[in-house]
């Protein structure tokens, strides 16, 4: 089965992911312009009022800088995951989104946790783990691209500045790793190209007639002896 039969092309995927990120920018702009308090949609660990954040928190960002820092990783990692592993991504993305949010609600520090960086970490670790284990040419290429562009993100799973939700990063990475290992076989590995030469003519190519004639004459001469 060809890659084209498994999912949309890279251009379509990239445009879809870019449209989602553009929606995040529009949403944050509305929050700022209207003066809304979006923290109510964040995850508040172990508080009933924070349960809605498991779904909504990745859509909310604390500042323009926060959103800007997530923009390129979301586009690159989302495109790599959806293009390279279209079947697995349909199952992995909801698990990463909701699973990391649930773990933050259960285990993270008190406060309000917002932003899509946990999802971005999940996508990165999914591509790395699934690609390394599959080891086909396309997957390895995606692993190298992701690691080259965003490999430094791996340090984000460690505690950082007080205002950074490293727990979201860590739990997103854990869910991405687990999903990458468990779902890596959902997308078939493309078979090597096979070239059929059954339609090639049996006649000798131009320039080979003399060689064959000479060879046949040599055999005739030998047989006469």
N, C-alpha and C. Protein backbone atom coordinates (compact mmCIF):
# COMPACT_ATOMS: atom_id res chain seq x y z
N UNK A 1 0.85 -1.20 0.00
CA UNK A 1 0.00 0.00 0.00
C UNK A 1 0.88 1.24 0.00
N UNK A 2 0.61 2.19 -0.85
CA UNK A 2 1.45 3.37 -0.97
C UNK A 2 1.15 4.37 0.12
N UNK A 3 2.08 5.31 0.34
CA UNK A 3 1.90 6.35 1.36
C UNK A 3 0.72 7.24 1.00
N UNK A 4 0.50 7.46 -0.31
CA UNK A 4 -0.59 8.34 -0.72
C UNK A 4 -1.95 7.76 -0.34
N UNK A 5 -2.05 6.41 -0.25
CA UNK A 5 -3.30 5.78 0.10
C UNK A 5 -3.55 5.80 1.61
N UNK A 6 -2.54 6.08 2.39
CA UNK A 6 -2.67 6.03 3.84
C UNK A 6 -3.14 7.33 4.45
N UNK A 7 -2.85 8.45 3.84
CA UNK A 7 -3.22 9.71 4.43
C UNK A 7 -2.96 10.85 3.47
N UNK A 8 -3.34 12.07 3.86
CA UNK A 8 -3.14 13.22 2.99
C UNK A 8 -1.68 13.54 2.80
N UNK A 9 -1.39 14.31 1.77
CA UNK A 9 -0.01 14.70 1.48
C UNK A 9 0.53 15.69 2.49
N UNK A 10 1.83 15.90 2.42
CA UNK A 10 2.50 16.78 3.39
C UNK A 10 1.94 18.20 3.33
N UNK A 11 1.66 18.71 2.14
CA UNK A 11 1.15 20.08 2.02
C UNK A 11 -0.19 20.22 2.72
N UNK A 12 -1.07 19.26 2.51
CA UNK A 12 -2.40 19.32 3.13
C UNK A 12 -2.27 19.23 4.65
N UNK A 13 -1.40 18.32 5.12
CA UNK A 13 -1.20 18.16 6.57
C UNK A 13 -0.66 19.45 7.18
N UNK A 14 0.37 20.00 6.56
CA UNK A 14 0.99 21.22 7.09
C UNK A 14 0.01 22.38 7.13
N UNK A 15 -0.82 22.50 6.09
CA UNK A 15 -1.81 23.57 6.07
C UNK A 15 -2.86 23.36 7.17
N UNK A 16 -3.26 22.12 7.40
CA UNK A 16 -4.22 21.84 8.46
C UNK A 16 -3.67 22.18 9.83
N UNK A 17 -2.41 21.79 10.08
CA UNK A 17 -1.80 22.10 11.37
C UNK A 17 -1.62 23.62 11.53
N UNK A 18 -1.19 24.28 10.46
CA UNK A 18 -1.02 25.73 10.52
C UNK A 18 -2.35 26.43 10.79
N UNK A 19 -3.44 25.90 10.22
CA UNK A 19 -4.76 26.48 10.48
C UNK A 19 -5.15 26.33 11.95
N UNK A 20 -4.82 25.18 12.54
CA UNK A 20 -5.10 24.98 13.96
C UNK A 20 -4.31 25.99 14.81
N UNK A 21 -3.04 26.17 14.49
CA UNK A 21 -2.22 27.11 15.25
C UNK A 21 -2.72 28.54 15.05
N UNK A 22 -3.14 28.85 13.84
CA UNK A 22 -3.72 30.18 13.60
C UNK A 22 -4.96 30.39 14.47
N UNK A 23 -5.72 29.31 14.67
CA UNK A 23 -6.87 29.41 15.56
C UNK A 23 -6.47 29.72 17.00
N UNK A 24 -5.33 29.17 17.43
CA UNK A 24 -4.83 29.49 18.77
C UNK A 24 -4.47 30.97 18.89
N UNK A 25 -3.87 31.52 17.85
CA UNK A 25 -3.53 32.94 17.85
C UNK A 25 -4.80 33.79 17.88
N UNK A 26 -5.79 33.41 17.10
CA UNK A 26 -7.06 34.16 17.08
C UNK A 26 -7.73 34.10 18.44
N UNK A 27 -7.74 32.92 19.04
CA UNK A 27 -8.36 32.78 20.36
C UNK A 27 -7.66 33.64 21.40
N UNK A 28 -6.33 33.62 21.39
CA UNK A 28 -5.59 34.44 22.37
C UNK A 28 -5.84 35.93 22.12
N UNK A 29 -5.93 36.29 20.84
CA UNK A 29 -6.22 37.69 20.54
C UNK A 29 -7.57 38.12 21.08
N UNK A 30 -8.56 37.25 20.96
CA UNK A 30 -9.88 37.57 21.51
C UNK A 30 -9.84 37.70 23.03
N UNK A 31 -9.08 36.81 23.67
CA UNK A 31 -8.96 36.88 25.13
C UNK A 31 -8.35 38.21 25.56
N UNK A 32 -7.31 38.64 24.83
CA UNK A 32 -6.64 39.89 25.18
C UNK A 32 -7.53 41.09 24.90
N UNK A 33 -8.13 41.13 23.72
CA UNK A 33 -8.95 42.28 23.32
C UNK A 33 -10.17 42.44 24.22
N UNK A 34 -10.80 41.32 24.54
CA UNK A 34 -12.02 41.36 25.35
C UNK A 34 -11.73 41.40 26.85
N UNK A 35 -10.45 41.27 27.22
CA UNK A 35 -10.09 41.32 28.63
C UNK A 35 -10.64 40.16 29.43
N UNK A 36 -10.69 38.99 28.84
CA UNK A 36 -11.24 37.82 29.51
C UNK A 36 -10.21 37.17 30.42
N UNK A 37 -10.68 36.51 31.44
CA UNK A 37 -9.82 35.74 32.33
C UNK A 37 -9.89 34.28 31.90
N UNK A 38 -8.92 33.86 31.07
CA UNK A 38 -8.94 32.50 30.53
C UNK A 38 -8.37 31.48 31.50
N UNK A 39 -7.87 31.93 32.64
CA UNK A 39 -7.29 30.98 33.59
C UNK A 39 -8.33 30.00 34.12
N UNK A 40 -9.61 30.35 34.00
CA UNK A 40 -10.65 29.42 34.44
C UNK A 40 -10.66 28.16 33.59
N UNK A 41 -10.06 28.21 32.40
CA UNK A 41 -10.00 27.05 31.51
C UNK A 41 -8.69 26.29 31.66
N UNK A 42 -7.86 26.70 32.60
CA UNK A 42 -6.61 25.98 32.84
C UNK A 42 -6.83 24.79 33.76
N UNK A 43 -5.79 24.01 33.91
CA UNK A 43 -5.84 22.84 34.79
C UNK A 43 -5.45 23.28 36.20
N UNK A 44 -6.34 23.06 37.13
CA UNK A 44 -6.06 23.31 38.55
C UNK A 44 -5.96 21.94 39.23
N UNK A 45 -4.75 21.51 39.54
CA UNK A 45 -4.58 20.14 40.06
C UNK A 45 -5.44 19.85 41.27
N UNK A 46 -6.14 18.71 41.16
CA UNK A 46 -6.95 18.12 42.23
C UNK A 46 -8.14 19.00 42.66
N UNK A 47 -8.47 19.97 41.82
CA UNK A 47 -9.65 20.80 42.09
C UNK A 47 -10.71 20.47 41.05
N UNK A 48 -11.93 20.32 41.52
CA UNK A 48 -13.02 19.99 40.59
C UNK A 48 -13.15 21.07 39.52
N UNK A 49 -12.93 22.32 39.89
CA UNK A 49 -13.02 23.42 38.93
C UNK A 49 -11.95 23.35 37.85
N UNK A 50 -10.91 22.55 38.08
CA UNK A 50 -9.83 22.45 37.11
C UNK A 50 -9.96 21.29 36.15
N UNK A 51 -11.02 20.50 36.29
CA UNK A 51 -11.20 19.35 35.42
C UNK A 51 -11.42 19.76 33.96
N UNK A 52 -12.10 20.88 33.74
CA UNK A 52 -12.34 21.34 32.37
C UNK A 52 -11.03 21.63 31.65
N UNK A 53 -10.01 21.96 32.40
CA UNK A 53 -8.72 22.27 31.80
C UNK A 53 -8.06 21.07 31.12
N UNK A 54 -8.45 19.86 31.50
CA UNK A 54 -7.89 18.67 30.85
C UNK A 54 -8.15 18.73 29.34
N UNK A 55 -9.30 19.27 28.98
CA UNK A 55 -9.64 19.44 27.56
C UNK A 55 -9.21 20.79 27.04
N UNK A 56 -9.42 21.85 27.82
CA UNK A 56 -9.28 23.21 27.30
C UNK A 56 -7.90 23.83 27.48
N UNK A 57 -7.11 23.36 28.43
CA UNK A 57 -5.85 24.03 28.75
C UNK A 57 -4.89 24.18 27.56
N UNK A 58 -4.75 23.17 26.66
CA UNK A 58 -3.84 23.36 25.52
C UNK A 58 -4.26 24.47 24.56
N UNK A 59 -5.49 24.93 24.66
CA UNK A 59 -5.96 25.99 23.78
C UNK A 59 -5.67 27.38 24.35
N UNK A 60 -5.27 27.44 25.62
CA UNK A 60 -5.09 28.71 26.31
C UNK A 60 -3.61 28.94 26.58
N UNK A 61 -3.15 30.19 26.38
CA UNK A 61 -1.75 30.53 26.65
C UNK A 61 -1.67 31.77 27.53
N UNK A 62 -0.62 31.79 28.34
CA UNK A 62 -0.50 32.86 29.31
C UNK A 62 -0.07 34.20 28.75
N UNK A 63 0.57 34.21 27.58
CA UNK A 63 1.06 35.45 26.98
C UNK A 63 1.32 35.22 25.50
N UNK A 64 1.55 36.33 24.80
CA UNK A 64 1.93 36.22 23.39
C UNK A 64 3.25 35.47 23.24
N UNK A 65 4.18 35.74 24.15
CA UNK A 65 5.48 35.05 24.08
C UNK A 65 5.31 33.55 24.28
N UNK A 66 4.46 33.17 25.21
CA UNK A 66 4.18 31.76 25.45
C UNK A 66 3.63 31.11 24.19
N UNK A 67 2.67 31.75 23.55
CA UNK A 67 2.08 31.22 22.33
C UNK A 67 3.10 31.18 21.20
N UNK A 68 3.91 32.21 21.09
CA UNK A 68 4.93 32.26 20.03
C UNK A 68 5.94 31.12 20.18
N UNK A 69 6.33 30.83 21.42
CA UNK A 69 7.31 29.77 21.65
C UNK A 69 6.76 28.39 21.29
N UNK A 70 5.44 28.23 21.30
CA UNK A 70 4.82 26.95 20.96
C UNK A 70 4.48 26.82 19.48
N UNK A 71 4.48 27.93 18.76
CA UNK A 71 3.96 27.93 17.39
C UNK A 71 4.76 27.03 16.46
N UNK A 72 6.06 27.27 16.33
CA UNK A 72 6.86 26.48 15.40
C UNK A 72 6.92 25.01 15.79
N UNK A 73 7.14 24.66 17.07
CA UNK A 73 7.11 23.24 17.43
C UNK A 73 5.79 22.56 17.09
N UNK A 74 4.67 23.24 17.33
CA UNK A 74 3.39 22.62 17.00
C UNK A 74 3.25 22.36 15.51
N UNK A 75 3.69 23.30 14.69
CA UNK A 75 3.56 23.13 13.24
C UNK A 75 4.48 22.02 12.74
N UNK A 76 5.73 22.05 13.16
CA UNK A 76 6.71 21.06 12.67
C UNK A 76 6.38 19.67 13.21
N UNK A 77 6.19 19.56 14.51
CA UNK A 77 5.95 18.26 15.12
C UNK A 77 4.59 17.69 14.75
N UNK A 78 3.58 18.56 14.69
CA UNK A 78 2.26 18.09 14.28
C UNK A 78 2.27 17.61 12.84
N UNK A 79 2.95 18.32 11.96
CA UNK A 79 3.03 17.89 10.56
C UNK A 79 3.78 16.58 10.43
N UNK A 80 4.89 16.45 11.15
CA UNK A 80 5.68 15.22 11.08
C UNK A 80 4.87 14.02 11.58
N UNK A 81 4.14 14.20 12.65
CA UNK A 81 3.37 13.09 13.22
C UNK A 81 2.21 12.70 12.32
N UNK A 82 1.44 13.68 11.86
CA UNK A 82 0.25 13.38 11.07
C UNK A 82 0.60 12.89 9.67
N UNK A 83 1.70 13.37 9.13
CA UNK A 83 2.10 12.93 7.80
C UNK A 83 2.80 11.57 7.84
N UNK A 84 3.70 11.39 8.80
CA UNK A 84 4.48 10.16 8.85
C UNK A 84 3.73 8.99 9.44
N UNK A 85 2.77 9.25 10.34
CA UNK A 85 2.07 8.17 11.03
C UNK A 85 0.57 8.49 11.08
N UNK A 86 -0.10 8.59 9.93
CA UNK A 86 -1.49 9.08 9.92
C UNK A 86 -2.46 8.21 10.70
N UNK A 87 -2.33 6.89 10.60
CA UNK A 87 -3.25 6.01 11.33
C UNK A 87 -2.99 6.08 12.83
N UNK A 88 -1.75 5.97 13.22
CA UNK A 88 -1.41 5.99 14.64
C UNK A 88 -1.74 7.34 15.27
N UNK A 89 -1.56 8.42 14.51
CA UNK A 89 -1.81 9.75 15.07
C UNK A 89 -3.25 9.94 15.47
N UNK A 90 -4.17 9.32 14.73
CA UNK A 90 -5.59 9.48 15.06
C UNK A 90 -5.92 8.92 16.45
N UNK A 91 -5.19 7.92 16.87
CA UNK A 91 -5.39 7.37 18.21
C UNK A 91 -4.49 8.05 19.23
N UNK A 92 -3.26 8.39 18.82
CA UNK A 92 -2.27 8.91 19.76
C UNK A 92 -2.57 10.33 20.21
N UNK A 93 -3.01 11.19 19.32
CA UNK A 93 -3.21 12.59 19.68
C UNK A 93 -4.24 12.78 20.79
N UNK A 94 -5.42 12.15 20.70
CA UNK A 94 -6.36 12.29 21.83
C UNK A 94 -5.79 11.75 23.14
N UNK A 95 -5.04 10.65 23.07
CA UNK A 95 -4.45 10.08 24.28
C UNK A 95 -3.41 11.02 24.87
N UNK A 96 -2.59 11.62 24.02
CA UNK A 96 -1.58 12.57 24.51
C UNK A 96 -2.25 13.80 25.10
N UNK A 97 -3.22 14.34 24.38
CA UNK A 97 -3.92 15.57 24.82
C UNK A 97 -4.60 15.35 26.17
N UNK A 98 -5.46 14.34 26.24
CA UNK A 98 -6.25 14.13 27.45
C UNK A 98 -5.44 13.43 28.55
N UNK A 99 -4.58 12.49 28.16
CA UNK A 99 -3.81 11.77 29.16
C UNK A 99 -2.83 12.64 29.90
N UNK A 100 -2.13 13.50 29.17
CA UNK A 100 -1.18 14.39 29.85
C UNK A 100 -1.90 15.38 30.73
N UNK A 101 -3.07 15.87 30.27
CA UNK A 101 -3.85 16.79 31.10
C UNK A 101 -4.34 16.13 32.38
N UNK A 102 -4.76 14.86 32.27
CA UNK A 102 -5.22 14.15 33.46
C UNK A 102 -4.09 13.95 34.45
N UNK A 103 -2.90 13.60 33.97
CA UNK A 103 -1.76 13.41 34.86
C UNK A 103 -1.36 14.71 35.53
N UNK A 104 -1.45 15.82 34.79
CA UNK A 104 -1.17 17.13 35.40
C UNK A 104 -2.18 17.40 36.51
N UNK A 105 -3.45 17.11 36.24
CA UNK A 105 -4.48 17.35 37.25
C UNK A 105 -4.25 16.50 38.50
N UNK A 106 -3.77 15.28 38.30
CA UNK A 106 -3.56 14.37 39.42
C UNK A 106 -2.27 14.66 40.20
N UNK A 107 -1.19 15.03 39.49
CA UNK A 107 0.14 14.98 40.11
C UNK A 107 0.91 16.29 40.12
N UNK A 108 0.50 17.28 39.40
CA UNK A 108 1.31 18.49 39.26
C UNK A 108 1.20 19.39 40.48
N UNK A 109 2.04 20.41 40.50
CA UNK A 109 2.02 21.40 41.57
C UNK A 109 0.71 22.19 41.53
N UNK A 110 0.35 22.74 42.67
CA UNK A 110 -0.82 23.61 42.72
C UNK A 110 -0.56 24.86 41.87
N UNK A 111 -1.60 25.35 41.28
CA UNK A 111 -1.49 26.51 40.40
C UNK A 111 -2.43 26.33 39.23
N UNK A 112 -2.18 27.08 38.15
CA UNK A 112 -2.96 26.99 36.93
C UNK A 112 -2.01 26.64 35.80
N UNK A 113 -2.27 25.53 35.14
CA UNK A 113 -1.41 25.04 34.06
C UNK A 113 -2.13 25.24 32.74
N UNK A 114 -1.53 26.02 31.84
CA UNK A 114 -2.13 26.28 30.53
C UNK A 114 -1.05 26.12 29.45
N UNK A 115 -1.51 25.99 28.21
CA UNK A 115 -0.60 25.95 27.07
C UNK A 115 -0.54 24.60 26.39
N UNK A 116 -0.10 24.62 25.13
CA UNK A 116 -0.05 23.42 24.30
C UNK A 116 1.32 22.77 24.29
N UNK A 117 2.22 23.21 25.15
CA UNK A 117 3.58 22.65 25.12
C UNK A 117 3.58 21.17 25.51
N UNK A 118 2.68 20.74 26.38
CA UNK A 118 2.61 19.32 26.73
C UNK A 118 2.26 18.47 25.53
N UNK A 119 1.33 18.96 24.70
CA UNK A 119 0.97 18.25 23.47
C UNK A 119 2.16 18.22 22.52
N UNK A 120 2.88 19.34 22.42
CA UNK A 120 4.06 19.39 21.55
C UNK A 120 5.11 18.38 21.98
N UNK A 121 5.35 18.27 23.28
CA UNK A 121 6.30 17.29 23.78
C UNK A 121 5.82 15.87 23.48
N UNK A 122 4.53 15.64 23.61
CA UNK A 122 3.99 14.33 23.29
C UNK A 122 4.20 13.97 21.83
N UNK A 123 3.98 14.91 20.94
CA UNK A 123 4.17 14.65 19.51
C UNK A 123 5.64 14.38 19.20
N UNK A 124 6.54 15.14 19.83
CA UNK A 124 7.95 14.93 19.57
C UNK A 124 8.40 13.54 20.01
N UNK A 125 8.03 13.15 21.22
CA UNK A 125 8.46 11.85 21.73
C UNK A 125 7.76 10.71 21.00
N UNK A 126 6.58 10.95 20.48
CA UNK A 126 5.92 9.94 19.66
C UNK A 126 6.72 9.70 18.39
N UNK A 127 7.06 10.76 17.68
CA UNK A 127 7.80 10.62 16.42
C UNK A 127 9.16 9.97 16.66
N UNK A 128 9.84 10.38 17.72
CA UNK A 128 11.16 9.81 18.01
C UNK A 128 11.07 8.33 18.34
N UNK A 129 10.15 7.95 19.22
CA UNK A 129 10.08 6.54 19.64
C UNK A 129 9.56 5.66 18.51
N UNK A 130 8.49 6.06 17.86
CA UNK A 130 7.95 5.24 16.77
C UNK A 130 8.93 5.15 15.61
N UNK A 131 9.56 6.26 15.27
CA UNK A 131 10.49 6.25 14.15
C UNK A 131 11.72 5.41 14.40
N UNK A 132 12.27 5.50 15.60
CA UNK A 132 13.47 4.72 15.93
C UNK A 132 13.15 3.22 15.93
N UNK A 133 11.99 2.84 16.43
CA UNK A 133 11.63 1.42 16.50
C UNK A 133 11.25 0.86 15.13
N UNK A 134 10.64 1.67 14.27
CA UNK A 134 10.24 1.18 12.95
C UNK A 134 11.46 1.04 12.02
N UNK A 135 12.33 2.05 12.05
CA UNK A 135 13.60 2.02 11.32
C UNK A 135 13.46 1.93 9.80
N UNK A 136 12.31 2.26 9.24
CA UNK A 136 12.22 2.38 7.79
C UNK A 136 12.74 3.74 7.37
N UNK A 137 12.99 3.90 6.10
CA UNK A 137 13.67 5.10 5.62
C UNK A 137 12.89 6.37 5.95
N UNK A 138 11.57 6.37 5.71
CA UNK A 138 10.77 7.57 5.95
C UNK A 138 10.74 7.93 7.44
N UNK A 139 10.61 6.93 8.30
CA UNK A 139 10.55 7.20 9.74
C UNK A 139 11.87 7.73 10.26
N UNK A 140 12.97 7.16 9.80
CA UNK A 140 14.29 7.63 10.22
C UNK A 140 14.51 9.07 9.78
N UNK A 141 14.05 9.41 8.57
CA UNK A 141 14.18 10.78 8.09
C UNK A 141 13.41 11.75 8.98
N UNK A 142 12.23 11.36 9.41
CA UNK A 142 11.45 12.21 10.31
C UNK A 142 12.11 12.35 11.67
N UNK A 143 12.69 11.27 12.17
CA UNK A 143 13.41 11.32 13.45
C UNK A 143 14.56 12.31 13.37
N UNK A 144 15.34 12.22 12.30
CA UNK A 144 16.49 13.12 12.15
C UNK A 144 16.03 14.57 12.03
N UNK A 145 14.96 14.81 11.27
CA UNK A 145 14.46 16.17 11.12
C UNK A 145 13.98 16.74 12.45
N UNK A 146 13.18 15.96 13.17
CA UNK A 146 12.64 16.42 14.44
C UNK A 146 13.75 16.66 15.46
N UNK A 147 14.70 15.74 15.52
CA UNK A 147 15.77 15.90 16.50
C UNK A 147 16.67 17.09 16.14
N UNK A 148 16.90 17.30 14.85
CA UNK A 148 17.74 18.43 14.42
C UNK A 148 17.08 19.76 14.75
N UNK A 149 15.77 19.87 14.53
CA UNK A 149 15.08 21.14 14.72
C UNK A 149 14.68 21.40 16.18
N UNK A 150 14.31 20.33 16.90
CA UNK A 150 13.75 20.53 18.24
C UNK A 150 14.33 19.59 19.29
N UNK A 151 15.50 19.04 19.03
CA UNK A 151 16.10 18.12 19.98
C UNK A 151 16.36 18.73 21.34
N UNK A 152 16.62 20.03 21.39
CA UNK A 152 16.90 20.68 22.67
C UNK A 152 15.68 20.70 23.58
N UNK A 153 14.50 20.43 23.03
CA UNK A 153 13.29 20.42 23.85
C UNK A 153 13.32 19.35 24.93
N UNK A 154 14.11 18.31 24.74
CA UNK A 154 14.08 17.19 25.70
C UNK A 154 14.42 17.66 27.12
N UNK A 155 15.20 18.75 27.23
CA UNK A 155 15.55 19.25 28.56
C UNK A 155 14.37 19.89 29.26
N UNK A 156 13.31 20.16 28.52
CA UNK A 156 12.14 20.79 29.11
C UNK A 156 11.36 19.89 30.05
N UNK A 157 11.67 18.60 30.07
CA UNK A 157 10.96 17.70 31.00
C UNK A 157 11.51 17.81 32.41
N UNK A 158 12.57 18.57 32.58
CA UNK A 158 13.16 18.77 33.91
C UNK A 158 12.64 20.07 34.52
N UNK A 159 12.59 20.16 35.85
CA UNK A 159 12.13 21.39 36.49
C UNK A 159 12.94 22.60 36.03
N UNK A 160 12.21 23.68 35.72
CA UNK A 160 12.85 24.89 35.23
C UNK A 160 12.40 26.07 36.08
N UNK A 161 12.13 27.18 35.43
CA UNK A 161 11.68 28.37 36.14
C UNK A 161 10.35 28.11 36.83
N UNK A 162 10.07 28.80 37.91
CA UNK A 162 8.83 28.57 38.66
C UNK A 162 7.57 28.70 37.82
N UNK A 163 7.58 29.57 36.83
CA UNK A 163 6.38 29.80 36.03
C UNK A 163 6.21 28.85 34.87
N UNK A 164 7.08 27.87 34.71
CA UNK A 164 7.01 26.93 33.59
C UNK A 164 6.43 25.60 34.08
N UNK A 165 5.42 25.11 33.38
CA UNK A 165 4.79 23.85 33.76
C UNK A 165 5.59 22.69 33.16
N UNK A 166 6.70 22.37 33.83
CA UNK A 166 7.51 21.26 33.33
C UNK A 166 6.76 19.93 33.49
N UNK A 167 5.78 19.91 34.39
CA UNK A 167 4.97 18.69 34.54
C UNK A 167 4.19 18.40 33.25
N UNK A 168 3.66 19.44 32.61
CA UNK A 168 2.98 19.24 31.33
C UNK A 168 3.94 18.66 30.31
N UNK A 169 5.16 19.19 30.28
CA UNK A 169 6.17 18.68 29.35
C UNK A 169 6.47 17.21 29.63
N UNK A 170 6.68 16.89 30.90
CA UNK A 170 7.05 15.53 31.28
C UNK A 170 5.94 14.54 30.96
N UNK A 171 4.72 14.86 31.36
CA UNK A 171 3.62 13.92 31.15
C UNK A 171 3.27 13.81 29.67
N UNK A 172 3.39 14.91 28.93
CA UNK A 172 3.20 14.83 27.49
C UNK A 172 4.23 13.93 26.85
N UNK A 173 5.49 14.06 27.28
CA UNK A 173 6.56 13.22 26.75
C UNK A 173 6.32 11.75 27.07
N UNK A 174 5.89 11.47 28.30
CA UNK A 174 5.63 10.08 28.70
C UNK A 174 4.52 9.48 27.86
N UNK A 175 3.43 10.23 27.66
CA UNK A 175 2.32 9.72 26.84
C UNK A 175 2.75 9.55 25.40
N UNK A 176 3.55 10.47 24.89
CA UNK A 176 4.03 10.33 23.51
C UNK A 176 4.91 9.11 23.34
N UNK A 177 5.78 8.87 24.33
CA UNK A 177 6.66 7.70 24.28
C UNK A 177 5.86 6.40 24.31
N UNK A 178 4.90 6.32 25.22
CA UNK A 178 4.07 5.12 25.34
C UNK A 178 3.27 4.88 24.06
N UNK A 179 2.68 5.94 23.53
CA UNK A 179 1.88 5.80 22.31
C UNK A 179 2.76 5.43 21.12
N UNK A 180 3.96 6.00 21.06
CA UNK A 180 4.85 5.66 19.96
C UNK A 180 5.23 4.19 19.97
N UNK A 181 5.48 3.65 21.15
CA UNK A 181 5.84 2.24 21.26
C UNK A 181 4.63 1.35 20.96
N UNK A 182 3.48 1.70 21.50
CA UNK A 182 2.30 0.84 21.38
C UNK A 182 1.66 0.89 20.00
N UNK A 183 1.74 2.05 19.33
CA UNK A 183 0.99 2.23 18.08
C UNK A 183 1.87 2.28 16.85
N UNK A 184 3.14 1.97 16.99
CA UNK A 184 4.07 2.14 15.86
C UNK A 184 3.74 1.26 14.67
N UNK A 185 3.03 0.16 14.87
CA UNK A 185 2.74 -0.76 13.77
C UNK A 185 1.41 -0.45 13.07
N UNK A 186 0.71 0.58 13.50
CA UNK A 186 -0.58 0.89 12.89
C UNK A 186 -0.44 1.33 11.44
N UNK A 187 0.68 1.96 11.12
CA UNK A 187 0.92 2.40 9.75
C UNK A 187 1.85 1.42 9.07
N UNK A 188 1.44 0.82 7.94
CA UNK A 188 2.31 -0.15 7.27
C UNK A 188 3.56 0.50 6.73
N UNK A 189 4.65 -0.23 6.78
CA UNK A 189 5.90 0.24 6.22
C UNK A 189 5.85 0.05 4.71
N UNK A 190 6.19 1.09 3.97
CA UNK A 190 6.15 1.02 2.52
C UNK A 190 7.10 -0.06 2.01
N UNK A 191 6.62 -0.88 1.10
CA UNK A 191 7.46 -1.93 0.52
C UNK A 191 8.48 -1.33 -0.43
N UNK A 192 9.67 -1.94 -0.55
CA UNK A 192 10.67 -1.44 -1.50
C UNK A 192 10.12 -1.46 -2.92
N UNK A 193 10.58 -0.53 -3.72
CA UNK A 193 10.14 -0.47 -5.12
C UNK A 193 10.59 -1.71 -5.86
N UNK A 194 9.68 -2.27 -6.66
CA UNK A 194 9.97 -3.46 -7.47
C UNK A 194 9.76 -3.08 -8.92
N UNK A 195 10.75 -3.31 -9.73
CA UNK A 195 10.69 -2.96 -11.14
C UNK A 195 10.46 -4.22 -11.96
N UNK A 196 9.44 -4.21 -12.79
CA UNK A 196 9.08 -5.35 -13.62
C UNK A 196 9.73 -5.21 -14.98
N UNK A 197 10.57 -6.18 -15.36
CA UNK A 197 11.23 -6.14 -16.66
C UNK A 197 10.66 -7.17 -17.61
N UNK A 198 9.44 -7.66 -17.30
CA UNK A 198 8.86 -8.70 -18.14
C UNK A 198 8.47 -8.18 -19.51
N UNK A 199 8.29 -6.86 -19.64
CA UNK A 199 7.89 -6.30 -20.92
C UNK A 199 9.06 -5.92 -21.79
N UNK A 200 10.29 -6.13 -21.30
CA UNK A 200 11.45 -5.79 -22.11
C UNK A 200 11.55 -6.73 -23.30
N UNK A 201 11.93 -6.24 -24.47
CA UNK A 201 12.04 -7.10 -25.66
C UNK A 201 13.17 -8.11 -25.51
N UNK A 202 12.97 -9.28 -26.14
CA UNK A 202 14.00 -10.32 -26.12
C UNK A 202 15.10 -10.07 -27.14
N UNK A 203 14.83 -9.20 -28.13
CA UNK A 203 15.82 -8.93 -29.15
C UNK A 203 17.03 -8.22 -28.55
N UNK A 204 18.19 -8.41 -29.08
CA UNK A 204 19.39 -7.73 -28.57
C UNK A 204 19.31 -6.23 -28.78
N UNK A 205 19.94 -5.51 -27.87
CA UNK A 205 19.98 -4.07 -27.99
C UNK A 205 20.90 -3.68 -29.14
N UNK A 206 20.70 -2.47 -29.69
CA UNK A 206 21.58 -2.02 -30.78
C UNK A 206 23.05 -2.08 -30.37
N UNK A 207 23.88 -2.61 -31.26
CA UNK A 207 25.31 -2.72 -30.98
C UNK A 207 25.70 -4.07 -30.45
N UNK A 208 24.71 -4.90 -30.05
CA UNK A 208 25.03 -6.21 -29.51
C UNK A 208 24.89 -7.32 -30.56
N UNK A 209 24.36 -6.98 -31.76
CA UNK A 209 24.16 -8.00 -32.77
C UNK A 209 25.48 -8.65 -33.19
N UNK A 210 26.51 -7.80 -33.40
CA UNK A 210 27.79 -8.33 -33.86
C UNK A 210 28.41 -9.26 -32.84
N UNK A 211 28.27 -8.88 -31.51
CA UNK A 211 28.86 -9.73 -30.48
C UNK A 211 28.19 -11.09 -30.46
N UNK A 212 26.88 -11.10 -30.59
CA UNK A 212 26.18 -12.37 -30.55
C UNK A 212 26.48 -13.20 -31.79
N UNK A 213 26.58 -12.51 -32.94
CA UNK A 213 26.91 -13.24 -34.17
C UNK A 213 28.28 -13.87 -34.06
N UNK A 214 29.24 -13.10 -33.50
CA UNK A 214 30.59 -13.64 -33.36
C UNK A 214 30.62 -14.79 -32.39
N UNK A 215 29.85 -14.68 -31.33
CA UNK A 215 29.82 -15.76 -30.34
C UNK A 215 29.23 -17.01 -30.94
N UNK A 216 28.16 -16.82 -31.71
CA UNK A 216 27.54 -17.99 -32.34
C UNK A 216 28.49 -18.64 -33.35
N UNK A 217 29.21 -17.80 -34.11
CA UNK A 217 30.16 -18.34 -35.09
C UNK A 217 31.26 -19.11 -34.39
N UNK A 218 31.72 -18.62 -33.25
CA UNK A 218 32.77 -19.31 -32.50
C UNK A 218 32.27 -20.67 -32.04
N UNK A 219 31.03 -20.73 -31.58
CA UNK A 219 30.49 -22.01 -31.16
C UNK A 219 30.36 -22.95 -32.33
N UNK A 220 29.96 -22.43 -33.49
CA UNK A 220 29.84 -23.27 -34.67
C UNK A 220 31.18 -23.83 -35.07
N UNK A 221 32.22 -22.97 -35.04
CA UNK A 221 33.54 -23.43 -35.41
C UNK A 221 34.03 -24.51 -34.47
N UNK A 222 33.77 -24.33 -33.15
CA UNK A 222 34.20 -25.33 -32.19
C UNK A 222 33.50 -26.64 -32.42
N UNK A 223 32.19 -26.55 -32.76
CA UNK A 223 31.44 -27.78 -32.93
C UNK A 223 31.91 -28.56 -34.16
N UNK A 224 32.37 -27.80 -35.21
CA UNK A 224 32.86 -28.48 -36.40
C UNK A 224 34.14 -29.26 -36.13
N UNK A 225 34.93 -28.79 -35.19
CA UNK A 225 36.16 -29.49 -34.83
C UNK A 225 35.84 -30.78 -34.12
